C-alpha cells in the first residue's frame, strides 16, 4: 500500500527539489535510486506548482473584491518606482 503524500509548503518543496536535483546531478545513484529521486522531484514540482496556482487564484479573488486595485507587471512597477525616485 502506497503511503499518502503529506502536503508541503512551497518553500519546503523548492528546498527539497533543489536537494533532489543536486543528488541527481552528482551521478552516483544507481538506476532505481535515480528513478525514485526523479519521481520525487516530479511530485515536488507538481506540489509547488499547485501552491503557486492556489496563491494566484487567491490574489485574483482579493482583487475582484477590491475593484479599485489592478494587476500590473511587477517589473513595470519597479521601473515606475525608479523613475519616480529622486535618487
PDB file of N, CA and C in Angstrom:
ATOM      1  N   UNK A   1       0.840  -1.189   0.000  1.00  0.00           N
ATOM      2  CA  UNK A   1       0.000   0.000   0.000  1.00  0.00           C
ATOM      3  C   UNK A   1       0.878   1.243   0.000  1.00  0.00           C
ATOM      4  N   UNK A   2       0.536   2.185  -0.854  1.00  0.00           N
ATOM      5  CA  UNK A   2       1.335   3.393  -1.001  1.00  0.00           C
ATOM      6  C   UNK A   2       1.045   4.370   0.137  1.00  0.00           C
ATOM      7  N   UNK A   3       2.089   4.970   0.655  1.00  0.00           N
ATOM      8  CA  UNK A   3       1.967   5.953   1.714  1.00  0.00           C
ATOM      9  C   UNK A   3       1.356   7.237   1.165  1.00  0.00           C
ATOM     10  N   UNK A   4       0.409   7.825   1.892  1.00  0.00           N
ATOM     11  CA  UNK A   4      -0.224   9.060   1.453  1.00  0.00           C
ATOM     12  C   UNK A   4       0.772  10.214   1.550  1.00  0.00           C
ATOM     13  N   UNK A   5       0.833  11.017   0.481  1.00  0.00           N
ATOM     14  CA  UNK A   5       1.752  12.156   0.453  1.00  0.00           C
ATOM     15  C   UNK A   5       1.295  13.229   1.429  1.00  0.00           C
ATOM     16  N   UNK A   6       2.233  13.746   2.178  1.00  0.00           N
ATOM     17  CA  UNK A   6       1.950  14.854   3.071  1.00  0.00           C
ATOM     18  C   UNK A   6       2.143  16.158   2.303  1.00  0.00           C
ATOM     19  N   UNK A   7       1.197  17.081   2.391  1.00  0.00           N
ATOM     20  CA  UNK A   7       1.389  18.350   1.690  1.00  0.00           C
ATOM     21  C   UNK A   7       2.569  19.117   2.296  1.00  0.00           C
ATOM     22  N   UNK A   8       3.328  19.733   1.435  1.00  0.00           N
ATOM     23  CA  UNK A   8       4.471  20.521   1.891  1.00  0.00           C
ATOM     24  C   UNK A   8       4.262  21.970   1.470  1.00  0.00           C
ATOM     25  N   UNK A   9       4.915  22.867   2.191  1.00  0.00           N
ATOM     26  CA  UNK A   9       4.826  24.278   1.815  1.00  0.00           C
ATOM     27  C   UNK A   9       5.600  24.498   0.521  1.00  0.00           C
ATOM     28  N   UNK A  10       5.326  25.603  -0.125  1.00  0.00           N
ATOM     29  CA  UNK A  10       6.023  25.951  -1.360  1.00  0.00           C
ATOM     30  C   UNK A  10       7.525  26.022  -1.117  1.00  0.00           C
ATOM     31  N   UNK A  11       7.916  26.677  -0.039  1.00  0.00           N
ATOM     32  CA  UNK A  11       9.331  26.856   0.260  1.00  0.00           C
ATOM     33  C   UNK A  11      10.011  25.517   0.533  1.00  0.00           C
ATOM     34  N   UNK A  12       9.345  24.636   1.292  1.00  0.00           N
ATOM     35  CA  UNK A  12       9.920  23.319   1.576  1.00  0.00           C
ATOM     36  C   UNK A  12      10.016  22.483   0.310  1.00  0.00           C
ATOM     37  N   UNK A  13       9.016  22.595  -0.558  1.00  0.00           N
ATOM     38  CA  UNK A  13       9.048  21.851  -1.823  1.00  0.00           C
ATOM     39  C   UNK A  13      10.239  22.300  -2.662  1.00  0.00           C
ATOM     40  N   UNK A  14      10.479  23.604  -2.734  1.00  0.00           N
ATOM     41  CA  UNK A  14      11.620  24.106  -3.505  1.00  0.00           C
ATOM     42  C   UNK A  14      12.950  23.658  -2.910  1.00  0.00           C
ATOM     43  N   UNK A  15      13.055  23.707  -1.595  1.00  0.00           N
ATOM     44  CA  UNK A  15      14.287  23.284  -0.932  1.00  0.00           C
ATOM     45  C   UNK A  15      14.564  21.814  -1.197  1.00  0.00           C
ATOM     46  N   UNK A  16      13.551  20.982  -1.053  1.00  0.00           N
ATOM     47  CA  UNK A  16      13.727  19.549  -1.297  1.00  0.00           C
ATOM     48  C   UNK A  16      13.984  19.280  -2.775  1.00  0.00           C
ATOM     49  N   UNK A  17      13.328  20.036  -3.653  1.00  0.00           N
ATOM     50  CA  UNK A  17      13.550  19.866  -5.086  1.00  0.00           C
ATOM     51  C   UNK A  17      14.998  20.185  -5.448  1.00  0.00           C
ATOM     52  N   UNK A  18      15.557  21.227  -4.850  1.00  0.00           N
ATOM     53  CA  UNK A  18      16.971  21.554  -5.073  1.00  0.00           C
ATOM     54  C   UNK A  18      17.874  20.411  -4.613  1.00  0.00           C
ATOM     55  N   UNK A  19      17.532  19.810  -3.474  1.00  0.00           N
ATOM     56  CA  UNK A  19      18.326  18.693  -2.964  1.00  0.00           C
ATOM     57  C   UNK A  19      18.237  17.495  -3.915  1.00  0.00           C
ATOM     58  N   UNK A  20      17.058  17.237  -4.448  1.00  0.00           N
ATOM     59  CA  UNK A  20      16.878  16.138  -5.405  1.00  0.00           C
ATOM     60  C   UNK A  20      17.727  16.386  -6.646  1.00  0.00           C
ATOM     61  N   UNK A  21      17.682  17.604  -7.164  1.00  0.00           N
ATOM     62  CA  UNK A  21      18.471  17.940  -8.354  1.00  0.00           C
ATOM     63  C   UNK A  21      19.956  17.741  -8.073  1.00  0.00           C
ATOM     64  N   UNK A  22      20.406  18.183  -6.911  1.00  0.00           N
ATOM     65  CA  UNK A  22      21.820  18.004  -6.559  1.00  0.00           C
ATOM     66  C   UNK A  22      22.200  16.530  -6.500  1.00  0.00           C
ATOM     67  N   UNK A  23      21.339  15.702  -5.901  1.00  0.00           N
ATOM     68  CA  UNK A  23      21.630  14.266  -5.825  1.00  0.00           C
ATOM     69  C   UNK A  23      21.685  13.655  -7.223  1.00  0.00           C
ATOM     70  N   UNK A  24      20.766  14.062  -8.085  1.00  0.00           N
ATOM     71  CA  UNK A  24      20.761  13.523  -9.445  1.00  0.00           C
ATOM     72  C   UNK A  24      21.966  14.007 -10.246  1.00  0.00           C
ATOM     73  N   UNK A  25      22.357  15.250 -10.060  1.00  0.00           N
ATOM     74  CA  UNK A  25      23.494  15.795 -10.806  1.00  0.00           C
ATOM     75  C   UNK A  25      24.822  15.163 -10.404  1.00  0.00           C
ATOM     76  N   UNK A  26      24.912  14.661  -9.177  1.00  0.00           N
ATOM     77  CA  UNK A  26      26.154  14.016  -8.741  1.00  0.00           C
ATOM     78  C   UNK A  26      26.430  12.766  -9.563  1.00  0.00           C
ATOM     79  N   UNK A  27      25.372  12.108 -10.035  1.00  0.00           N
ATOM     80  CA  UNK A  27      25.541  10.968 -10.920  1.00  0.00           C
ATOM     81  C   UNK A  27      26.004   9.683 -10.275  1.00  0.00           C
ATOM     82  N   UNK A  28      25.985   9.610  -8.962  1.00  0.00           N
ATOM     83  CA  UNK A  28      26.460   8.387  -8.311  1.00  0.00           C
ATOM     84  C   UNK A  28      25.332   7.476  -7.829  1.00  0.00           C
ATOM     85  N   UNK A  29      24.100   7.747  -8.229  1.00  0.00           N
ATOM     86  CA  UNK A  29      22.963   6.908  -7.859  1.00  0.00           C
ATOM     87  C   UNK A  29      22.798   5.779  -8.867  1.00  0.00           C
ATOM     88  N   UNK A  30      22.373   4.609  -8.362  1.00  0.00           N
ATOM     89  CA  UNK A  30      22.061   3.543  -9.303  1.00  0.00           C
ATOM     90  C   UNK A  30      20.730   3.880  -9.984  1.00  0.00           C
ATOM     91  N   UNK A  31      20.378   3.134 -10.993  1.00  0.00           N
ATOM     92  CA  UNK A  31      19.203   3.446 -11.806  1.00  0.00           C
ATOM     93  C   UNK A  31      17.928   3.528 -10.977  1.00  0.00           C
ATOM     94  N   UNK A  32      17.709   2.577 -10.101  1.00  0.00           N
ATOM     95  CA  UNK A  32      16.478   2.574  -9.289  1.00  0.00           C
ATOM     96  C   UNK A  32      16.410   3.783  -8.365  1.00  0.00           C
ATOM     97  N   UNK A  33      17.521   4.105  -7.724  1.00  0.00           N
ATOM     98  CA  UNK A  33      17.555   5.278  -6.841  1.00  0.00           C
ATOM     99  C   UNK A  33      17.368   6.567  -7.635  1.00  0.00           C
ATOM    100  N   UNK A  34      17.980   6.626  -8.807  1.00  0.00           N
ATOM    101  CA  UNK A  34      17.827   7.816  -9.653  1.00  0.00           C
ATOM    102  C   UNK A  34      16.375   7.980 -10.091  1.00  0.00           C
ATOM    103  N   UNK A  35      15.731   6.881 -10.456  1.00  0.00           N
ATOM    104  CA  UNK A  35      14.319   6.947 -10.836  1.00  0.00           C
ATOM    105  C   UNK A  35      13.441   7.372  -9.663  1.00  0.00           C
ATOM    106  N   UNK A  36      13.750   6.859  -8.485  1.00  0.00           N
ATOM    107  CA  UNK A  36      12.990   7.246  -7.291  1.00  0.00           C
ATOM    108  C   UNK A  36      13.163   8.736  -7.003  1.00  0.00           C
ATOM    109  N   UNK A  37      14.386   9.238  -7.148  1.00  0.00           N
ATOM    110  CA  UNK A  37      14.639  10.660  -6.932  1.00  0.00           C
ATOM    111  C   UNK A  37      13.925  11.508  -7.987  1.00  0.00           C
ATOM    112  N   UNK A  38      13.954  11.038  -9.223  1.00  0.00           N
ATOM    113  CA  UNK A  38      13.268  11.753 -10.298  1.00  0.00           C
ATOM    114  C   UNK A  38      11.772  11.817 -10.019  1.00  0.00           C
ATOM    115  N   UNK A  39      11.193  10.702  -9.594  1.00  0.00           N
ATOM    116  CA  UNK A  39       9.763  10.663  -9.269  1.00  0.00           C
ATOM    117  C   UNK A  39       9.449  11.630  -8.123  1.00  0.00           C
ATOM    118  N   UNK A  40      10.294  11.638  -7.118  1.00  0.00           N
ATOM    119  CA  UNK A  40      10.121  12.568  -6.007  1.00  0.00           C
ATOM    120  C   UNK A  40      10.185  14.010  -6.509  1.00  0.00           C
ATOM    121  N   UNK A  41      11.136  14.286  -7.371  1.00  0.00           N
ATOM    122  CA  UNK A  41      11.266  15.635  -7.924  1.00  0.00           C
ATOM    123  C   UNK A  41      10.043  16.055  -8.712  1.00  0.00           C
ATOM    124  N   UNK A  42       9.502  15.152  -9.516  1.00  0.00           N
ATOM    125  CA  UNK A  42       8.294  15.458 -10.287  1.00  0.00           C
ATOM    126  C   UNK A  42       7.136  15.766  -9.340  1.00  0.00           C
ATOM    127  N   UNK A  43       7.001  14.966  -8.288  1.00  0.00           N
ATOM    128  CA  UNK A  43       5.918  15.201  -7.323  1.00  0.00           C
ATOM    129  C   UNK A  43       6.092  16.527  -6.583  1.00  0.00           C
ATOM    130  N   UNK A  44       7.319  16.841  -6.219  1.00  0.00           N
ATOM    131  CA  UNK A  44       7.583  18.113  -5.540  1.00  0.00           C
ATOM    132  C   UNK A  44       7.297  19.296  -6.459  1.00  0.00           C
ATOM    133  N   UNK A  45       7.695  19.188  -7.719  1.00  0.00           N
ATOM    134  CA  UNK A  45       7.428  20.266  -8.677  1.00  0.00           C
ATOM    135  C   UNK A  45       5.925  20.449  -8.859  1.00  0.00           C
ATOM    136  N   UNK A  46       5.199  19.349  -8.908  1.00  0.00           N
ATOM    137  CA  UNK A  46       3.738  19.416  -9.045  1.00  0.00           C
ATOM    138  C   UNK A  46       3.113  20.099  -7.825  1.00  0.00           C
ATOM    139  N   UNK A  47       3.571  19.733  -6.637  1.00  0.00           N
ATOM    140  CA  UNK A  47       3.047  20.360  -5.426  1.00  0.00           C
ATOM    141  C   UNK A  47       3.358  21.855  -5.393  1.00  0.00           C
ATOM    142  N   UNK A  48       4.576  22.227  -5.775  1.00  0.00           N
ATOM    143  CA  UNK A  48       4.948  23.640  -5.794  1.00  0.00           C
ATOM    144  C   UNK A  48       4.091  24.402  -6.800  1.00  0.00           C
ATOM    145  N   UNK A  49       3.846  23.810  -7.966  1.00  0.00           N
ATOM    146  CA  UNK A  49       3.008  24.456  -8.976  1.00  0.00           C
ATOM    147  C   UNK A  49       1.581  24.628  -8.465  1.00  0.00           C
ATOM    148  N   UNK A  50       1.074  23.635  -7.748  1.00  0.00           N
ATOM    149  CA  UNK A  50      -0.273  23.740  -7.179  1.00  0.00           C
ATOM    150  C   UNK A  50      -0.341  24.874  -6.163  1.00  0.00           C
ATOM    151  N   UNK A  51       0.709  25.017  -5.354  1.00  0.00           N
ATOM    152  CA  UNK A  51       0.737  26.110  -4.368  1.00  0.00           C
ATOM    153  C   UNK A  51       0.732  27.470  -5.079  1.00  0.00           C
ATOM    154  N   UNK A  52       1.522  27.577  -6.155  1.00  0.00           N
ATOM    155  CA  UNK A  52       1.553  28.836  -6.910  1.00  0.00           C
ATOM    156  C   UNK A  52       0.202  29.132  -7.547  1.00  0.00           C
ATOM    157  N   UNK A  53      -0.434  28.125  -8.102  1.00  0.00           N
ATOM    158  CA  UNK A  53      -1.739  28.302  -8.724  1.00  0.00           C
ATOM    159  C   UNK A  53      -2.768  28.740  -7.685  1.00  0.00           C
ATOM    160  N   UNK A  54      -2.737  28.111  -6.515  1.00  0.00           N
ATOM    161  CA  UNK A  54      -3.661  28.494  -5.445  1.00  0.00           C
ATOM    162  C   UNK A  54      -3.421  29.932  -4.992  1.00  0.00           C
ATOM    163  N   UNK A  55      -2.163  30.316  -4.881  1.00  0.00           N
ATOM    164  CA  UNK A  55      -1.848  31.687  -4.477  1.00  0.00           C
ATOM    165  C   UNK A  55      -2.341  32.677  -5.525  1.00  0.00           C
ATOM    166  N   UNK A  56      -2.145  32.354  -6.797  1.00  0.00           N
ATOM    167  CA  UNK A  56      -2.604  33.237  -7.873  1.00  0.00           C
ATOM    168  C   UNK A  56      -4.129  33.380  -7.834  1.00  0.00           C
ATOM    169  N   UNK A  57      -4.822  32.284  -7.593  1.00  0.00           N
ATOM    170  CA  UNK A  57      -6.277  32.337  -7.510  1.00  0.00           C
ATOM    171  C   UNK A  57      -6.729  33.191  -6.337  1.00  0.00           C
ATOM    172  N   UNK A  58      -6.043  33.075  -5.214  1.00  0.00           N
ATOM    173  CA  UNK A  58      -6.388  33.897  -4.046  1.00  0.00           C
ATOM    174  C   UNK A  58      -6.194  35.376  -4.345  1.00  0.00           C
ATOM    175  N   UNK A  59      -5.099  35.699  -5.029  1.00  0.00           N
ATOM    176  CA  UNK A  59      -4.849  37.100  -5.392  1.00  0.00           C
ATOM    177  C   UNK A  59      -5.958  37.606  -6.316  1.00  0.00           C
ATOM    178  N   UNK A  60      -6.334  36.785  -7.291  1.00  0.00           N
ATOM    179  CA  UNK A  60      -7.410  37.182  -8.216  1.00  0.00           C
ATOM    180  C   UNK A  60      -8.710  37.438  -7.456  1.00  0.00           C
ATOM    181  N   UNK A  61      -9.037  36.569  -6.505  1.00  0.00           N
ATOM    182  CA  UNK A  61     -10.262  36.736  -5.715  1.00  0.00           C
ATOM    183  C   UNK A  61     -10.197  38.023  -4.910  1.00  0.00           C
ATOM    184  N   UNK A  62      -9.058  38.281  -4.292  1.00  0.00           N
ATOM    185  CA  UNK A  62      -8.912  39.505  -3.498  1.00  0.00           C
ATOM    186  C   UNK A  62      -9.028  40.747  -4.372  1.00  0.00           C
ATOM    187  N   UNK A  63      -8.459  40.699  -5.568  1.00  0.00           N
ATOM    188  CA  UNK A  63      -8.537  41.850  -6.461  1.00  0.00           C
ATOM    189  C   UNK A  63      -9.950  42.053  -6.983  1.00  0.00           C
ATOM    190  N   UNK A  64     -10.687  40.963  -7.175  1.00  0.00           N
ATOM    191  CA  UNK A  64     -12.074  41.102  -7.621  1.00  0.00           C
ATOM    192  C   UNK A  64     -12.922  41.755  -6.543  1.00  0.00           C
ATOM    193  N   UNK A  65     -12.603  41.493  -5.276  1.00  0.00           N
ATOM    194  CA  UNK A  65     -13.339  42.111  -4.169  1.00  0.00           C
ATOM    195  C   UNK A  65     -12.995  43.592  -4.058  1.00  0.00           C
ATOM    196  N   UNK A  66     -11.784  43.960  -4.451  1.00  0.00           N
ATOM    197  CA  UNK A  66     -11.343  45.341  -4.396  1.00  0.00           C
ATOM    198  C   UNK A  66     -11.226  45.838  -5.837  1.00  0.00           C
ATOM    199  N   UNK A  67     -12.288  46.414  -6.345  1.00  0.00           N
ATOM    200  CA  UNK A  67     -12.328  46.794  -7.757  1.00  0.00           C
ATOM    201  C   UNK A  67     -11.420  47.970  -8.091  1.00  0.00           C
ATOM    202  N   UNK A  68     -10.919  48.673  -7.084  1.00  0.00           N
ATOM    203  CA  UNK A  68     -10.031  49.798  -7.385  1.00  0.00           C
ATOM    204  C   UNK A  68      -8.596  49.337  -7.624  1.00  0.00           C
ATOM    205  N   UNK A  69      -8.259  48.122  -7.203  1.00  0.00           N
ATOM    206  CA  UNK A  69      -6.905  47.605  -7.410  1.00  0.00           C
ATOM    207  C   UNK A  69      -6.833  46.922  -8.761  1.00  0.00           C
ATOM    208  N   UNK A  70      -5.658  46.952  -9.359  1.00  0.00           N
ATOM    209  CA  UNK A  70      -5.486  46.272 -10.636  1.00  0.00           C
ATOM    210  C   UNK A  70      -4.160  45.526 -10.639  1.00  0.00           C
ATOM    211  N   UNK A  71      -4.118  44.477 -11.424  1.00  0.00           N
ATOM    212  CA  UNK A  71      -2.886  43.730 -11.584  1.00  0.00           C
ATOM    213  C   UNK A  71      -1.994  44.443 -12.582  1.00  0.00           C
ATOM    214  N   UNK A  72      -0.715  44.488 -12.295  1.00  0.00           N
ATOM    215  CA  UNK A  72       0.237  45.021 -13.257  1.00  0.00           C
ATOM    216  C   UNK A  72       1.510  44.211 -13.140  1.00  0.00           C
ATOM    217  N   UNK A  73       2.317  44.274 -14.150  1.00  0.00           N
ATOM    218  CA  UNK A  73       3.551  43.527 -14.181  1.00  0.00           C
ATOM    219  C   UNK A  73       4.493  44.062 -13.103  1.00  0.00           C
ATOM    220  N   UNK A  74       5.063  43.189 -12.300  1.00  0.00           N
ATOM    221  CA  UNK A  74       5.922  43.599 -11.203  1.00  0.00           C
ATOM    222  C   UNK A  74       7.114  44.400 -11.695  1.00  0.00           C
ATOM    223  N   UNK A  75       7.727  43.985 -12.784  1.00  0.00           N
ATOM    224  CA  UNK A  75       8.889  44.704 -13.283  1.00  0.00           C
ATOM    225  C   UNK A  75       8.510  46.103 -13.742  1.00  0.00           C
ATOM    226  N   UNK A  76       7.284  46.263 -14.250  1.00  0.00           N
ATOM    227  CA  UNK A  76       6.818  47.588 -14.647  1.00  0.00           C
ATOM    228  C   UNK A  76       6.704  48.489 -13.426  1.00  0.00           C
ATOM    229  N   UNK A  77       6.263  47.911 -12.310  1.00  0.00           N
ATOM    230  CA  UNK A  77       6.165  48.688 -11.074  1.00  0.00           C
ATOM    231  C   UNK A  77       7.546  49.129 -10.602  1.00  0.00           C
ATOM    232  N   UNK A  78       8.543  48.296 -10.769  1.00  0.00           N
ATOM    233  CA  UNK A  78       9.898  48.664 -10.370  1.00  0.00           C
ATOM    234  C   UNK A  78      10.423  49.812 -11.219  1.00  0.00           C
ATOM    235  N   UNK A  79      10.154  49.770 -12.510  1.00  0.00           N
ATOM    236  CA  UNK A  79      10.607  50.840 -13.405  1.00  0.00           C
ATOM    237  C   UNK A  79       9.949  52.167 -13.033  1.00  0.00           C
ATOM    238  N   UNK A  80       8.660  52.130 -12.721  1.00  0.00           N
ATOM    239  CA  UNK A  80       7.962  53.354 -12.333  1.00  0.00           C
ATOM    240  C   UNK A  80       8.530  53.897 -11.037  1.00  0.00           C
ATOM    241  N   UNK A  81       8.823  53.000 -10.097  1.00  0.00           N
ATOM    242  CA  UNK A  81       9.378  53.414  -8.821  1.00  0.00           C
ATOM    243  C   UNK A  81      10.735  54.070  -9.031  1.00  0.00           C
ATOM    244  N   UNK A  82      11.542  53.494  -9.929  1.00  0.00           N
ATOM    245  CA  UNK A  82      12.863  54.064 -10.207  1.00  0.00           C
ATOM    246  C   UNK A  82      12.754  55.443 -10.831  1.00  0.00           C
ATOM    247  N   UNK A  83      11.773  55.612 -11.727  1.00  0.00           N
ATOM    248  CA  UNK A  83      11.619  56.907 -12.384  1.00  0.00           C
ATOM    249  C   UNK A  83      11.094  57.970 -11.416  1.00  0.00           C
ATOM    250  N   UNK A  84      10.229  57.537 -10.492  1.00  0.00           N
ATOM    251  CA  UNK A  84       9.647  58.469  -9.538  1.00  0.00           C
ATOM    252  C   UNK A  84      10.598  58.807  -8.407  1.00  0.00           C
ATOM    253  N   UNK A  85      11.637  58.024  -8.251  1.00  0.00           N
ATOM    254  CA  UNK A  85      12.558  58.210  -7.154  1.00  0.00           C
ATOM    255  C   UNK A  85      13.447  59.419  -7.396  1.00  0.00           C
ATOM    256  N   UNK A  86      13.678  60.217  -6.376  1.00  0.00           N
ATOM    257  CA  UNK A  86      14.574  61.371  -6.527  1.00  0.00           C
ATOM    258  C   UNK A  86      16.039  60.974  -6.493  1.00  0.00           C
ATOM    259  N   UNK A  87      16.351  59.684  -6.262  1.00  0.00           N
ATOM    260  CA  UNK A  87      17.734  59.219  -6.140  1.00  0.00           C
ATOM    261  C   UNK A  87      18.266  58.707  -7.429  1.00  0.00           C
TER     262      UNK A  87
END
